[in-house]
Amino acid sequence: MSILKVARMGHPVLRTTTKAVPQPEIAGVPVQALITSMIETMIEYNGVGLSAPQVHEGLRIFVAQMVTEDEEDEQGEEKAGESSAAESDVIVIINPEITAVGRHIVEDWEGCLSIPDLRGRVPRHRDIKVRAFDRQGQRVEIEATGYMARVLQHETDHLDGVLFLDRMKSLKSLSFIDEYVKRHAGKD
């Protein structure tokens, strides 16, 4: 397919609530082509997730690299936004509905392809359930914890016009990537 242009903070598409994709349209060529291009774009830019609004599409779709807790521990640098995703490691989420499981909130570092070169500490639910459609238009329910839960919440926020900066309690932790790597990476 093709590598898509990623919208950067300030573009109005990132602040717009997206439209649900009707289930019968999921299998159609336009939606499938968009999904393939989103996966290729996420991999090209070393992202761990990418939402449709980030590529100028107002649809409730995102793609994300599946990360297990074991992989998260082994690849601490992924928290800095680096990824080595392969298409086989990517999930497609369409029309997500997130439910928090429990009340445990964890603050950790996040970055975003639409806010390049910046990282900040964001509070998120540690454990969640996501109900959605997959790429084949089948209903799926995913339980996620830790870093994977964070990624799914971050990408779902994009579908509602919310950026990670909006979720930060304080901007005091906001850092450029090089400062984050020098002073914070691997210390949490």
Protein backbone atom coordinates (compact mmCIF):
# COMPACT_ATOMS: atom_id res chain seq x y z
CA MET A 1 0.00 0.00 0.00
CA SER A 2 1.68 3.22 1.11
CA ILE A 3 3.27 5.15 3.91
CA LEU A 4 0.84 7.84 5.06
CA LYS A 5 1.53 11.36 6.28
CA VAL A 6 1.21 11.60 10.08
CA ALA A 7 -0.73 14.61 11.39
CA ARG A 8 1.16 16.63 13.97
CA MET A 9 -0.17 18.40 17.04
CA GLY A 10 -1.98 21.53 15.94
CA HIS A 11 -3.77 19.91 12.99
CA PRO A 12 -7.54 19.99 13.65
CA VAL A 13 -7.99 16.31 12.68
CA LEU A 14 -6.32 15.36 15.97
CA ARG A 15 -8.98 17.23 17.97
CA THR A 16 -12.03 15.78 16.21
CA THR A 17 -14.18 12.92 17.47
CA THR A 18 -14.18 10.11 14.92
CA LYS A 19 -17.08 8.20 13.35
CA ALA A 20 -17.80 4.53 14.00
CA VAL A 21 -17.17 2.18 11.11
CA PRO A 22 -20.32 0.20 10.21
CA GLN A 23 -19.55 -3.51 10.55
CA PRO A 24 -20.43 -4.33 6.89
CA GLU A 25 -17.90 -1.73 5.69
CA ILE A 26 -14.98 -3.27 7.60
CA ALA A 27 -14.34 -5.92 4.92
CA GLY A 28 -14.55 -3.35 2.11
CA VAL A 29 -11.56 -2.34 0.03
CA PRO A 30 -11.30 1.25 1.34
CA VAL A 31 -11.18 0.22 5.02
CA GLN A 32 -8.84 -2.72 4.38
CA ALA A 33 -6.49 -0.53 2.31
CA LEU A 34 -6.45 2.09 5.07
CA ILE A 35 -5.63 -0.56 7.69
CA THR A 36 -2.78 -1.99 5.62
CA SER A 37 -1.34 1.50 5.06
CA MET A 38 -1.69 2.33 8.76
CA ILE A 39 0.25 -0.80 9.72
CA GLU A 40 2.99 0.01 7.21
CA THR A 41 3.12 3.62 8.45
CA MET A 42 3.33 2.60 12.12
CA ILE A 43 6.17 0.18 11.35
CA GLU A 44 7.99 2.72 9.14
CA TYR A 45 7.96 5.33 11.93
CA ASN A 46 8.78 2.81 14.72
CA GLY A 47 5.50 3.44 16.49
CA VAL A 48 3.74 1.12 18.90
CA GLY A 49 0.33 2.39 17.85
CA LEU A 50 -1.32 4.55 15.21
CA SER A 51 -4.89 5.81 14.99
CA ALA A 52 -6.86 6.79 11.90
CA PRO A 53 -7.03 10.47 12.88
CA GLN A 54 -3.22 10.53 12.98
CA VAL A 55 -3.28 9.76 9.24
CA HIS A 56 -6.05 12.28 8.51
CA GLU A 57 -8.98 9.82 8.59
CA GLY A 58 -11.96 10.44 10.87
CA LEU A 59 -12.72 6.78 11.57
CA ARG A 60 -12.69 4.78 14.83
CA ILE A 61 -9.77 2.55 13.84
CA PHE A 62 -6.33 2.05 15.28
CA VAL A 63 -3.49 -0.42 14.95
CA ALA A 64 -1.12 -1.37 17.75
CA GLN A 65 1.83 -3.62 18.35
CA MET A 66 0.98 -6.41 20.79
CA VAL A 67 3.38 -6.26 23.73
CA THR A 68 3.34 -8.83 26.52
CA GLU A 69 4.55 -7.95 30.00
CA ASP A 70 7.65 -10.13 29.42
CA GLU A 71 8.49 -8.27 26.20
CA GLU A 72 7.88 -4.95 27.93
CA ASP A 73 10.45 -5.82 30.61
CA GLU A 74 12.98 -6.98 28.01
CA GLN A 75 12.49 -3.93 25.78
CA GLY A 76 12.47 -1.01 28.20
CA GLU A 77 13.36 1.31 25.35
CA GLU A 78 9.90 0.73 23.88
CA LYS A 79 8.65 3.17 26.48
CA ALA A 80 10.70 5.78 24.63
CA GLY A 81 8.57 5.13 21.55
CA GLU A 82 10.91 2.76 19.78
CA SER A 83 9.39 -0.34 18.26
CA SER A 84 10.41 -3.26 16.16
CA ALA A 85 6.89 -4.24 15.13
CA ALA A 86 6.30 -6.76 12.40
CA GLU A 87 2.90 -7.07 10.73
CA SER A 88 2.30 -10.36 12.54
CA ASP A 89 2.63 -8.58 15.93
CA VAL A 90 -0.01 -5.95 15.10
CA ILE A 91 -3.64 -5.92 16.19
CA VAL A 92 -6.38 -3.93 14.49
CA ILE A 93 -9.04 -2.38 16.70
CA ILE A 94 -12.24 -0.92 15.23
CA ASN A 95 -14.93 0.93 17.23
CA PRO A 96 -13.33 0.25 20.64
CA GLU A 97 -15.19 0.48 23.93
CA ILE A 98 -12.86 0.53 26.95
CA THR A 99 -13.85 -0.45 30.47
CA ALA A 100 -11.51 -0.02 33.40
CA VAL A 101 -10.99 -3.14 35.50
CA GLY A 102 -10.48 -2.02 39.07
CA ARG A 103 -9.41 1.40 40.20
CA HIS A 104 -5.62 1.10 39.99
CA ILE A 105 -4.13 4.12 38.16
CA VAL A 106 -0.48 4.10 37.11
CA GLU A 107 1.52 7.11 35.91
CA ASP A 108 4.17 6.34 33.30
CA TRP A 109 5.95 7.82 30.29
CA GLU A 110 4.24 8.25 26.93
CA GLY A 111 5.12 9.69 23.57
CA CYS A 112 3.24 10.07 20.32
CA LEU A 113 4.02 10.07 16.61
CA SER A 114 1.87 13.23 16.32
CA ILE A 115 3.91 14.98 19.03
CA PRO A 116 7.39 14.00 17.90
CA ASP A 117 10.39 14.24 20.18
CA LEU A 118 8.42 14.76 23.42
CA ARG A 119 7.66 12.45 26.34
CA GLY A 120 5.61 12.98 29.49
CA ARG A 121 4.17 11.08 32.45
CA VAL A 122 0.50 10.22 31.99
CA PRO A 123 -1.87 8.55 34.47
CA ARG A 124 -3.82 5.60 33.01
CA HIS A 125 -5.85 2.66 34.26
CA ARG A 126 -3.50 -0.27 34.84
CA ASP A 127 -6.07 -2.90 33.79
CA ILE A 128 -8.72 -2.61 31.10
CA LYS A 129 -11.08 -4.57 28.87
CA VAL A 130 -11.61 -3.55 25.27
CA ARG A 131 -14.59 -4.62 23.20
CA ALA A 132 -14.21 -3.93 19.51
CA PHE A 133 -14.24 -5.37 16.02
CA ASP A 134 -11.09 -6.88 14.53
CA ARG A 135 -9.90 -6.56 10.94
CA GLN A 136 -12.28 -9.32 9.82
CA GLY A 137 -15.28 -7.56 11.40
CA GLN A 138 -15.50 -10.10 14.22
CA ARG A 139 -16.33 -9.02 17.77
CA VAL A 140 -13.31 -9.31 20.05
CA GLU A 141 -12.74 -8.70 23.73
CA ILE A 142 -9.21 -8.03 24.91
CA GLU A 143 -8.02 -7.85 28.49
CA ALA A 144 -4.87 -5.80 28.86
CA THR A 145 -2.67 -4.72 31.71
CA GLY A 146 0.37 -2.49 32.15
CA TYR A 147 2.04 -1.16 29.05
CA MET A 148 -0.41 -2.79 26.60
CA ALA A 149 -3.35 -1.25 28.47
CA ARG A 150 -1.58 2.12 28.24
CA VAL A 151 -1.13 1.79 24.46
CA LEU A 152 -4.79 0.84 23.93
CA GLN A 153 -6.01 3.77 26.05
CA HIS A 154 -3.65 6.20 24.29
CA GLU A 155 -4.87 5.16 20.83
CA THR A 156 -8.53 5.20 21.89
CA ASP A 157 -8.02 8.74 23.18
CA HIS A 158 -6.97 9.76 19.66
CA LEU A 159 -10.36 8.58 18.41
CA ASP A 160 -11.97 11.08 20.79
CA GLY A 161 -9.69 14.02 19.93
CA VAL A 162 -7.60 13.67 23.10
CA LEU A 163 -3.79 13.89 23.17
CA PHE A 164 -1.56 12.51 25.91
CA LEU A 165 -0.70 16.06 27.00
CA ASP A 166 -4.38 16.55 27.92
CA ARG A 167 -4.13 13.65 30.40
CA MET A 168 -0.96 14.80 32.17
CA LYS A 169 -1.48 15.96 35.77
CA SER A 170 1.43 18.36 35.39
CA LEU A 171 3.66 19.43 32.53
CA LYS A 172 6.74 19.29 34.79
CA SER A 173 7.74 15.87 33.42
CA LEU A 174 7.46 16.95 29.78
CA SER A 175 10.83 16.19 28.17
CA PHE A 176 12.48 16.02 24.79
CA ILE A 177 13.44 12.45 23.87
CA ASP A 178 17.18 12.99 24.26
CA GLU A 179 16.68 14.37 27.79
CA TYR A 180 14.24 11.56 28.60
CA VAL A 181 16.81 8.96 27.49
CA LYS A 182 19.61 10.62 29.51
CA ARG A 183 17.65 11.21 32.68
CA HIS A 184 14.68 8.86 32.87
CA ALA A 185 14.81 5.84 30.52
CA GLY A 186 15.09 2.58 32.42
CA LYS A 187 14.79 4.25 35.84
CA ASP A 188 11.11 3.48 36.47
